[in-house]
Amino acid sequence: MNSIASACHIIAIACYAYCLFDRRKDRSNKISLITRYVAILTQFIGIHASQLPLVFTPITLGNALAQFAWLAVLAISIFDHPVNFPRCLRWLCFLALGTSLLALSPILDSWQFTGSNFNFHLLLAMIAYSMFFMSFLQMTEAWLLNRAIAGRMSHAKGNISLLDMEKIVFRNIYWSFAMLTLTMLSGIVSSVNNTRNLDTTATHEIVFASMTWIFCAVLLLGRWRWGWRGIIAMRWFMASSFSLVLNYIIVVVLIEVLLKK
């Protein structure tokens, strides 16, 4: 990693740390917004300054994790403004801070995904799964607030009502599902273009991506047809998110990085 990338990651770490320890209720004030956007910009430069040109560049484990966290922070900055999920924002800032620290590690620079270069399909996949992760954290925050209100805790109060929080979560799940669908379609197109034939081999990526898509489709169908909400919606989305984690965190990292190292 060059000096420009290192400096940008250090600035991003400092900005994310400020966002973590900023205890003001209004996370949409100018100072908080500027600090967060500086963190997003500098982390983006830090991720890609060491991997130019961007296209067809081998992806290291440290930069892949930082890219995932960066996209999640960017997604919540776009889809949750003004800030209605302060806990979720804090969790994602903590994750982004940690991934920037990991990206500075020289050990992770030597771990590369075999045969994985930055391309349009991978970009779509990262966007889809970062949005899934953001939606899962938002649903978790809404569920925790609901439990606190049910327990009549005096401090249990959100920036907006639980009903409005639920609407925002499902709006983001719809967007996540649309991005996942585009990712799977782009994977099919890439397979056809590369092999001149549709590869139907049931690899772990196809199996777990399909499981994620099916679980999410059932959740959205249940929401539309029977009005699923609360714990039922939480369970189906947890199943979808669990298959996502199995695919990209356990299977891909374990098989393609650690075991092939």
C-alpha atoms as a PDB file:
ATOM      1  CA  MET A   1       0.000   0.000   0.000  1.00  0.00           C
ATOM      2  CA  ASN A   2       1.394   3.389  -0.993  1.00  0.00           C
ATOM      3  CA  SER A   3       1.640   6.472   1.228  1.00  0.00           C
ATOM      4  CA  ILE A   4      -1.425   8.179  -0.311  1.00  0.00           C
ATOM      5  CA  ALA A   5      -3.646   5.179   0.412  1.00  0.00           C
ATOM      6  CA  SER A   6      -2.283   4.885   3.968  1.00  0.00           C
ATOM      7  CA  ALA A   7      -2.831   8.595   4.688  1.00  0.00           C
ATOM      8  CA  CYS A   8      -6.400   8.441   3.368  1.00  0.00           C
ATOM      9  CA  HIS A   9      -7.208   5.408   5.515  1.00  0.00           C
ATOM     10  CA  ILE A  10      -5.805   7.175   8.599  1.00  0.00           C
ATOM     11  CA  ILE A  11      -7.961  10.258   7.919  1.00  0.00           C
ATOM     12  CA  ALA A  12     -10.997   7.997   7.413  1.00  0.00           C
ATOM     13  CA  ILE A  13     -10.291   6.222  10.715  1.00  0.00           C
ATOM     14  CA  ALA A  14     -10.149   9.575  12.548  1.00  0.00           C
ATOM     15  CA  CYS A  15     -13.433  10.738  10.958  1.00  0.00           C
ATOM     16  CA  TYR A  16     -15.227   7.463  11.689  1.00  0.00           C
ATOM     17  CA  ALA A  17     -13.986   7.631  15.297  1.00  0.00           C
ATOM     18  CA  TYR A  18     -15.522  11.108  15.596  1.00  0.00           C
ATOM     19  CA  CYS A  19     -18.829   9.759  14.239  1.00  0.00           C
ATOM     20  CA  LEU A  20     -18.734   6.941  16.799  1.00  0.00           C
ATOM     21  CA  PHE A  21     -18.177   9.209  19.793  1.00  0.00           C
ATOM     22  CA  ASP A  22     -20.500  11.976  18.629  1.00  0.00           C
ATOM     23  CA  ARG A  23     -23.341  11.715  21.147  1.00  0.00           C
ATOM     24  CA  ARG A  24     -25.536  14.498  19.798  1.00  0.00           C
ATOM     25  CA  LYS A  25     -29.069  13.360  19.052  1.00  0.00           C
ATOM     26  CA  ASP A  26     -29.173  15.171  15.718  1.00  0.00           C
ATOM     27  CA  ARG A  27     -26.790  13.165  13.509  1.00  0.00           C
ATOM     28  CA  SER A  28     -27.838  15.301  10.531  1.00  0.00           C
ATOM     29  CA  ASN A  29     -26.077  18.459  11.749  1.00  0.00           C
ATOM     30  CA  LYS A  30     -23.483  20.014   9.459  1.00  0.00           C
ATOM     31  CA  ILE A  31     -20.398  18.929  11.426  1.00  0.00           C
ATOM     32  CA  SER A  32     -21.511  15.281  11.614  1.00  0.00           C
ATOM     33  CA  LEU A  33     -22.469  15.229   7.936  1.00  0.00           C
ATOM     34  CA  ILE A  34     -19.202  16.811   6.772  1.00  0.00           C
ATOM     35  CA  THR A  35     -17.154  14.454   8.959  1.00  0.00           C
ATOM     36  CA  ARG A  36     -18.992  11.400   7.642  1.00  0.00           C
ATOM     37  CA  TYR A  37     -18.662  12.445   3.991  1.00  0.00           C
ATOM     38  CA  VAL A  38     -14.955  13.184   4.472  1.00  0.00           C
ATOM     39  CA  ALA A  39     -14.595   9.673   5.904  1.00  0.00           C
ATOM     40  CA  ILE A  40     -16.476   8.185   2.934  1.00  0.00           C
ATOM     41  CA  LEU A  41     -14.365  10.122   0.404  1.00  0.00           C
ATOM     42  CA  THR A  42     -10.996   9.414   2.018  1.00  0.00           C
ATOM     43  CA  GLN A  43     -11.764   5.718   2.543  1.00  0.00           C
ATOM     44  CA  PHE A  44     -12.766   5.435  -1.125  1.00  0.00           C
ATOM     45  CA  ILE A  45      -9.465   7.030  -2.202  1.00  0.00           C
ATOM     46  CA  GLY A  46      -7.558   4.819   0.231  1.00  0.00           C
ATOM     47  CA  ILE A  47      -9.190   1.662  -1.146  1.00  0.00           C
ATOM     48  CA  HIS A  48      -8.506   2.441  -4.797  1.00  0.00           C
ATOM     49  CA  ALA A  49      -5.281   4.481  -4.650  1.00  0.00           C
ATOM     50  CA  SER A  50      -3.305   1.269  -4.175  1.00  0.00           C
ATOM     51  CA  GLN A  51      -5.256  -0.609  -6.873  1.00  0.00           C
ATOM     52  CA  LEU A  52      -5.179   1.550  -9.984  1.00  0.00           C
ATOM     53  CA  PRO A  53      -6.262   0.931 -12.668  1.00  0.00           C
ATOM     54  CA  LEU A  54      -9.551  -0.058 -11.055  1.00  0.00           C
ATOM     55  CA  VAL A  55     -10.753  -2.513 -13.710  1.00  0.00           C
ATOM     56  CA  PHE A  56      -9.216  -5.998 -13.917  1.00  0.00           C
ATOM     57  CA  THR A  57      -7.132  -5.468 -10.789  1.00  0.00           C
ATOM     58  CA  PRO A  58      -6.660  -8.357  -8.309  1.00  0.00           C
ATOM     59  CA  ILE A  59      -8.631  -7.685  -5.115  1.00  0.00           C
ATOM     60  CA  THR A  60      -6.894  -8.095  -1.761  1.00  0.00           C
ATOM     61  CA  LEU A  61      -8.808  -9.273   1.305  1.00  0.00           C
ATOM     62  CA  GLY A  62      -8.217  -6.015   3.189  1.00  0.00           C
ATOM     63  CA  ASN A  63      -9.529  -3.853   0.347  1.00  0.00           C
ATOM     64  CA  ALA A  64     -12.495  -6.182  -0.266  1.00  0.00           C
ATOM     65  CA  LEU A  65     -13.617  -5.837   3.365  1.00  0.00           C
ATOM     66  CA  ALA A  66     -13.056  -2.064   3.316  1.00  0.00           C
ATOM     67  CA  GLN A  67     -14.997  -1.786   0.049  1.00  0.00           C
ATOM     68  CA  PHE A  68     -17.929  -3.676   1.578  1.00  0.00           C
ATOM     69  CA  ALA A  69     -18.030  -1.465   4.692  1.00  0.00           C
ATOM     70  CA  TRP A  70     -17.583   1.712   2.608  1.00  0.00           C
ATOM     71  CA  LEU A  71     -20.549   0.816   0.395  1.00  0.00           C
ATOM     72  CA  ALA A  72     -22.699   0.101   3.472  1.00  0.00           C
ATOM     73  CA  VAL A  73     -21.892   3.529   4.989  1.00  0.00           C
ATOM     74  CA  LEU A  74     -22.536   5.190   1.621  1.00  0.00           C
ATOM     75  CA  ALA A  75     -25.865   3.351   1.306  1.00  0.00           C
ATOM     76  CA  ILE A  76     -27.129   4.450   4.732  1.00  0.00           C
ATOM     77  CA  SER A  77     -25.986   8.024   4.007  1.00  0.00           C
ATOM     78  CA  ILE A  78     -28.112   7.989   0.846  1.00  0.00           C
ATOM     79  CA  PHE A  79     -31.163   6.011   1.969  1.00  0.00           C
ATOM     80  CA  ASP A  80     -31.383   7.261   5.579  1.00  0.00           C
ATOM     81  CA  HIS A  81     -31.177  11.043   5.437  1.00  0.00           C
ATOM     82  CA  PRO A  82     -31.966  12.622   7.823  1.00  0.00           C
ATOM     83  CA  VAL A  83     -30.655   9.970  10.208  1.00  0.00           C
ATOM     84  CA  ASN A  84     -33.544   7.841  11.492  1.00  0.00           C
ATOM     85  CA  PHE A  85     -31.410   4.821  12.494  1.00  0.00           C
ATOM     86  CA  PRO A  86     -28.589   6.266  14.667  1.00  0.00           C
ATOM     87  CA  ARG A  87     -27.555   2.873  16.079  1.00  0.00           C
ATOM     88  CA  CYS A  88     -27.254   1.378  12.619  1.00  0.00           C
ATOM     89  CA  LEU A  89     -25.129   4.318  11.483  1.00  0.00           C
ATOM     90  CA  ARG A  90     -22.884   3.904  14.534  1.00  0.00           C
ATOM     91  CA  TRP A  91     -22.483   0.156  13.904  1.00  0.00           C
ATOM     92  CA  LEU A  92     -21.561   0.725  10.259  1.00  0.00           C
ATOM     93  CA  CYS A  93     -19.067   3.478  11.156  1.00  0.00           C
ATOM     94  CA  PHE A  94     -17.439   1.089  13.616  1.00  0.00           C
ATOM     95  CA  LEU A  95     -17.251  -1.576  10.901  1.00  0.00           C
ATOM     96  CA  ALA A  96     -15.769   0.883   8.387  1.00  0.00           C
ATOM     97  CA  LEU A  97     -13.208   2.042  10.957  1.00  0.00           C
ATOM     98  CA  GLY A  98     -12.187  -1.554  11.614  1.00  0.00           C
ATOM     99  CA  THR A  99     -11.870  -2.411   7.921  1.00  0.00           C
ATOM    100  CA  SER A 100      -9.677   0.646   7.297  1.00  0.00           C
ATOM    101  CA  LEU A 101      -7.416  -0.559  10.113  1.00  0.00           C
ATOM    102  CA  LEU A 102      -7.318  -3.999   8.494  1.00  0.00           C
ATOM    103  CA  ALA A 103      -6.584  -2.477   5.076  1.00  0.00           C
ATOM    104  CA  LEU A 104      -3.463  -0.888   6.570  1.00  0.00           C
ATOM    105  CA  SER A 105      -2.183  -4.330   7.550  1.00  0.00           C
ATOM    106  CA  PRO A 106       0.529  -5.586   5.145  1.00  0.00           C
ATOM    107  CA  ILE A 107      -0.482  -9.195   5.866  1.00  0.00           C
ATOM    108  CA  LEU A 108      -3.905  -8.802   4.243  1.00  0.00           C
ATOM    109  CA  ASP A 109      -2.339  -7.252   1.124  1.00  0.00           C
ATOM    110  CA  SER A 110      -0.801 -10.634   0.310  1.00  0.00           C
ATOM    111  CA  TRP A 111      -4.202 -12.403   0.484  1.00  0.00           C
ATOM    112  CA  GLN A 112      -5.900 -12.101  -2.882  1.00  0.00           C
ATOM    113  CA  PHE A 113      -9.052 -13.706  -4.257  1.00  0.00           C
ATOM    114  CA  THR A 114      -7.822 -16.144  -6.875  1.00  0.00           C
ATOM    115  CA  GLY A 115      -9.229 -15.231 -10.280  1.00  0.00           C
ATOM    116  CA  SER A 116     -11.262 -12.374  -8.800  1.00  0.00           C
ATOM    117  CA  ASN A 117     -10.751  -9.079 -10.556  1.00  0.00           C
ATOM    118  CA  PHE A 118     -12.769  -5.924 -10.154  1.00  0.00           C
ATOM    119  CA  ASN A 119     -15.535  -5.947 -12.769  1.00  0.00           C
ATOM    120  CA  PHE A 120     -19.120  -4.849 -13.222  1.00  0.00           C
ATOM    121  CA  HIS A 121     -20.576  -8.092 -11.827  1.00  0.00           C
ATOM    122  CA  LEU A 122     -18.454  -7.863  -8.674  1.00  0.00           C
ATOM    123  CA  LEU A 123     -19.430  -4.210  -8.210  1.00  0.00           C
ATOM    124  CA  LEU A 124     -23.131  -5.115  -8.390  1.00  0.00           C
ATOM    125  CA  ALA A 125     -22.586  -7.960  -5.919  1.00  0.00           C
ATOM    126  CA  MET A 126     -20.834  -5.672  -3.427  1.00  0.00           C
ATOM    127  CA  ILE A 127     -23.593  -3.059  -3.693  1.00  0.00           C
ATOM    128  CA  ALA A 128     -26.342  -5.673  -3.269  1.00  0.00           C
ATOM    129  CA  TYR A 129     -24.798  -7.343  -0.248  1.00  0.00           C
ATOM    130  CA  SER A 130     -23.812  -4.106   1.480  1.00  0.00           C
ATOM    131  CA  MET A 131     -27.438  -2.952   1.112  1.00  0.00           C
ATOM    132  CA  PHE A 132     -28.648  -6.274   2.511  1.00  0.00           C
ATOM    133  CA  PHE A 133     -26.326  -5.821   5.483  1.00  0.00           C
ATOM    134  CA  MET A 134     -27.511  -2.248   6.056  1.00  0.00           C
ATOM    135  CA  SER A 135     -31.172  -3.353   5.894  1.00  0.00           C
ATOM    136  CA  PHE A 136     -30.499  -6.177   8.351  1.00  0.00           C
ATOM    137  CA  LEU A 137     -28.940  -3.758  10.866  1.00  0.00           C
ATOM    138  CA  GLN A 138     -31.856  -1.350  10.431  1.00  0.00           C
ATOM    139  CA  MET A 139     -34.347  -4.154  11.031  1.00  0.00           C
ATOM    140  CA  THR A 140     -32.369  -5.196  14.118  1.00  0.00           C
ATOM    141  CA  GLU A 141     -32.465  -1.640  15.488  1.00  0.00           C
ATOM    142  CA  ALA A 142     -36.227  -1.412  14.915  1.00  0.00           C
ATOM    143  CA  TRP A 143     -36.710  -4.814  16.610  1.00  0.00           C
ATOM    144  CA  LEU A 144     -34.601  -3.766  19.635  1.00  0.00           C
ATOM    145  CA  LEU A 145     -36.589  -0.529  19.940  1.00  0.00           C
ATOM    146  CA  ASN A 146     -39.841  -2.481  19.763  1.00  0.00           C
ATOM    147  CA  ARG A 147     -38.661  -4.780  22.583  1.00  0.00           C
ATOM    148  CA  ALA A 148     -37.615  -1.787  24.674  1.00  0.00           C
ATOM    149  CA  ILE A 149     -41.006  -0.128  24.188  1.00  0.00           C
ATOM    150  CA  ALA A 150     -42.784  -3.391  25.041  1.00  0.00           C
ATOM    151  CA  GLY A 151     -40.666  -3.572  28.212  1.00  0.00           C
ATOM    152  CA  ARG A 152     -41.720   0.001  29.010  1.00  0.00           C
ATOM    153  CA  MET A 153     -38.181   1.278  29.280  1.00  0.00           C
ATOM    154  CA  SER A 154     -38.165   5.002  29.897  1.00  0.00           C
ATOM    155  CA  HIS A 155     -35.351   5.693  27.390  1.00  0.00           C
ATOM    156  CA  ALA A 156     -37.042   3.740  24.583  1.00  0.00           C
ATOM    157  CA  LYS A 157     -37.680   6.413  21.995  1.00  0.00           C
ATOM    158  CA  GLY A 158     -36.735   6.593  18.334  1.00  0.00           C
ATOM    159  CA  ASN A 159     -36.339   9.529  16.002  1.00  0.00           C
ATOM    160  CA  ILE A 160     -39.479   8.381  14.143  1.00  0.00           C
ATOM    161  CA  SER A 161     -42.330   5.975  14.874  1.00  0.00           C
ATOM    162  CA  LEU A 162     -41.857   2.202  14.601  1.00  0.00           C
ATOM    163  CA  LEU A 163     -44.303   2.107  11.696  1.00  0.00           C
ATOM    164  CA  ASP A 164     -42.232   4.631   9.745  1.00  0.00           C
ATOM    165  CA  MET A 165     -39.043   2.718  10.595  1.00  0.00           C
ATOM    166  CA  GLU A 166     -40.651  -0.463   9.254  1.00  0.00           C
ATOM    167  CA  LYS A 167     -41.601   1.277   5.998  1.00  0.00           C
ATOM    168  CA  ILE A 168     -38.020   2.502   5.518  1.00  0.00           C
ATOM    169  CA  VAL A 169     -36.589  -0.964   6.227  1.00  0.00           C
ATOM    170  CA  PHE A 170     -38.845  -2.668   3.679  1.00  0.00           C
ATOM    171  CA  ARG A 171     -38.157   0.046   1.108  1.00  0.00           C
ATOM    172  CA  ASN A 172     -34.453  -0.693   1.480  1.00  0.00           C
ATOM    173  CA  ILE A 173     -35.099  -4.455   1.303  1.00  0.00           C
ATOM    174  CA  TYR A 174     -36.919  -3.918  -2.014  1.00  0.00           C
ATOM    175  CA  TRP A 175     -33.891  -2.026  -3.334  1.00  0.00           C
ATOM    176  CA  SER A 176     -31.546  -4.741  -2.013  1.00  0.00           C
ATOM    177  CA  PHE A 177     -33.623  -7.445  -3.689  1.00  0.00           C
ATOM    178  CA  ALA A 178     -33.577  -5.527  -6.984  1.00  0.00           C
ATOM    179  CA  MET A 179     -29.781  -5.182  -6.810  1.00  0.00           C
ATOM    180  CA  LEU A 180     -29.401  -8.896  -5.985  1.00  0.00           C
ATOM    181  CA  THR A 181     -31.559  -9.779  -9.000  1.00  0.00           C
ATOM    182  CA  LEU A 182     -29.380  -7.585 -11.246  1.00  0.00           C
ATOM    183  CA  THR A 183     -26.286  -9.233  -9.775  1.00  0.00           C
ATOM    184  CA  MET A 184     -27.544 -12.722 -10.601  1.00  0.00           C
ATOM    185  CA  LEU A 185     -28.548 -11.664 -14.121  1.00  0.00           C
ATOM    186  CA  SER A 186     -25.140 -10.088 -14.715  1.00  0.00           C
ATOM    187  CA  GLY A 187     -23.532 -13.312 -13.497  1.00  0.00           C
ATOM    188  CA  ILE A 188     -25.525 -15.286 -16.061  1.00  0.00           C
ATOM    189  CA  VAL A 189     -24.545 -12.845 -18.825  1.00  0.00           C
ATOM    190  CA  SER A 190     -20.865 -13.018 -17.782  1.00  0.00           C
ATOM    191  CA  SER A 191     -20.975 -16.822 -17.787  1.00  0.00           C
ATOM    192  CA  VAL A 192     -22.481 -16.902 -21.277  1.00  0.00           C
ATOM    193  CA  ASN A 193     -19.977 -14.359 -22.611  1.00  0.00           C
ATOM    194  CA  ASN A 194     -16.981 -16.162 -21.136  1.00  0.00           C
ATOM    195  CA  THR A 195     -17.908 -19.759 -22.018  1.00  0.00           C
ATOM    196  CA  ARG A 196     -20.320 -19.190 -24.934  1.00  0.00           C
ATOM    197  CA  ASN A 197     -22.605 -21.488 -22.980  1.00  0.00           C
ATOM    198  CA  LEU A 198     -24.665 -21.212 -19.789  1.00  0.00           C
ATOM    199  CA  ASP A 199     -22.728 -22.876 -16.956  1.00  0.00           C
ATOM    200  CA  THR A 200     -25.252 -24.715 -14.748  1.00  0.00           C
ATOM    201  CA  THR A 201     -22.696 -26.121 -12.307  1.00  0.00           C
ATOM    202  CA  ALA A 202     -24.043 -25.751  -8.754  1.00  0.00           C
ATOM    203  CA  THR A 203     -21.093 -23.930  -7.173  1.00  0.00           C
ATOM    204  CA  HIS A 204     -21.281 -22.563  -3.636  1.00  0.00           C
ATOM    205  CA  GLU A 205     -21.736 -19.001  -4.979  1.00  0.00           C
ATOM    206  CA  ILE A 206     -24.778 -20.040  -7.050  1.00  0.00           C
ATOM    207  CA  VAL A 207     -26.332 -22.137  -4.272  1.00  0.00           C
ATOM    208  CA  PHE A 208     -26.090 -19.532  -1.497  1.00  0.00           C
ATOM    209  CA  ALA A 209     -26.938 -16.579  -3.772  1.00  0.00           C
ATOM    210  CA  SER A 210     -30.050 -18.480  -4.903  1.00  0.00           C
ATOM    211  CA  MET A 211     -30.975 -19.237  -1.279  1.00  0.00           C
ATOM    212  CA  THR A 212     -30.629 -15.545  -0.412  1.00  0.00           C
ATOM    213  CA  TRP A 213     -32.811 -14.570  -3.374  1.00  0.00           C
ATOM    214  CA  ILE A 214     -35.513 -17.170  -2.565  1.00  0.00           C
ATOM    215  CA  PHE A 215     -35.728 -16.283   1.156  1.00  0.00           C
ATOM    216  CA  CYS A 216     -35.973 -12.572   0.327  1.00  0.00           C
ATOM    217  CA  ALA A 217     -38.572 -13.212  -2.397  1.00  0.00           C
ATOM    218  CA  VAL A 218     -40.714 -15.193   0.070  1.00  0.00           C
ATOM    219  CA  LEU A 219     -40.409 -12.371   2.618  1.00  0.00           C
ATOM    220  CA  LEU A 220     -41.511  -9.717   0.117  1.00  0.00           C
ATOM    221  CA  LEU A 221     -44.340 -11.927  -1.149  1.00  0.00           C
ATOM    222  CA  GLY A 222     -45.519 -12.486   2.428  1.00  0.00           C
ATOM    223  CA  ARG A 223     -45.305  -8.762   3.113  1.00  0.00           C
ATOM    224  CA  TRP A 224     -47.366  -7.955   0.005  1.00  0.00           C
ATOM    225  CA  ARG A 225     -49.907 -10.796   0.309  1.00  0.00           C
ATOM    226  CA  TRP A 226     -50.333 -11.322   4.070  1.00  0.00           C
ATOM    227  CA  GLY A 227     -48.807  -8.178   5.566  1.00  0.00           C
ATOM    228  CA  TRP A 228     -45.910  -9.914   7.313  1.00  0.00           C
ATOM    229  CA  ARG A 229     -44.146  -7.750   9.855  1.00  0.00           C
ATOM    230  CA  GLY A 230     -42.390  -7.959  13.206  1.00  0.00           C
ATOM    231  CA  ILE A 231     -40.824 -11.259  14.245  1.00  0.00           C
ATOM    232  CA  ILE A 232     -42.064 -13.175  11.159  1.00  0.00           C
ATOM    233  CA  ALA A 233     -40.392 -10.708   8.792  1.00  0.00           C
ATOM    234  CA  MET A 234     -37.307 -10.706  11.016  1.00  0.00           C
ATOM    235  CA  ARG A 235     -36.957 -14.496  10.816  1.00  0.00           C
ATOM    236  CA  TRP A 236     -37.250 -14.642   7.030  1.00  0.00           C
ATOM    237  CA  PHE A 237     -34.794 -11.787   6.555  1.00  0.00           C
ATOM    238  CA  MET A 238     -32.400 -13.409   9.044  1.00  0.00           C
ATOM    239  CA  ALA A 239     -32.544 -16.601   6.939  1.00  0.00           C
ATOM    240  CA  SER A 240     -31.772 -14.566   3.824  1.00  0.00           C
ATOM    241  CA  SER A 241     -28.912 -12.731   5.541  1.00  0.00           C
ATOM    242  CA  PHE A 242     -27.526 -15.964   7.016  1.00  0.00           C
ATOM    243  CA  SER A 243     -27.220 -17.538   3.571  1.00  0.00           C
ATOM    244  CA  LEU A 244     -25.492 -14.333   2.419  1.00  0.00           C
ATOM    245  CA  VAL A 245     -22.969 -14.607   5.262  1.00  0.00           C
ATOM    246  CA  LEU A 246     -22.342 -18.272   4.473  1.00  0.00           C
ATOM    247  CA  ASN A 247     -21.622 -17.377   0.866  1.00  0.00           C
ATOM    248  CA  TYR A 248     -19.348 -14.360   1.033  1.00  0.00           C
ATOM    249  CA  ILE A 249     -17.801 -14.404   4.498  1.00  0.00           C
ATOM    250  CA  ILE A 250     -17.378 -18.060   5.410  1.00  0.00           C
ATOM    251  CA  VAL A 251     -17.226 -19.964   2.117  1.00  0.00           C
ATOM    252  CA  VAL A 252     -15.505 -17.478  -0.191  1.00  0.00           C
ATOM    253  CA  VAL A 253     -12.978 -16.162   2.343  1.00  0.00           C
ATOM    254  CA  LEU A 254     -12.251 -19.617   3.769  1.00  0.00           C
ATOM    255  CA  ILE A 255     -12.013 -21.540   0.484  1.00  0.00           C
ATOM    256  CA  GLU A 256     -10.660 -18.943  -1.958  1.00  0.00           C
ATOM    257  CA  VAL A 257      -8.300 -17.063   0.373  1.00  0.00           C
ATOM    258  CA  LEU A 258      -7.240 -19.035   3.430  1.00  0.00           C
ATOM    259  CA  LEU A 259      -7.222 -22.605   2.085  1.00  0.00           C
ATOM    260  CA  LYS A 260      -5.590 -21.554  -1.207  1.00  0.00           C
ATOM    261  CA  LYS A 261      -3.005 -19.390   0.517  1.00  0.00           C
END
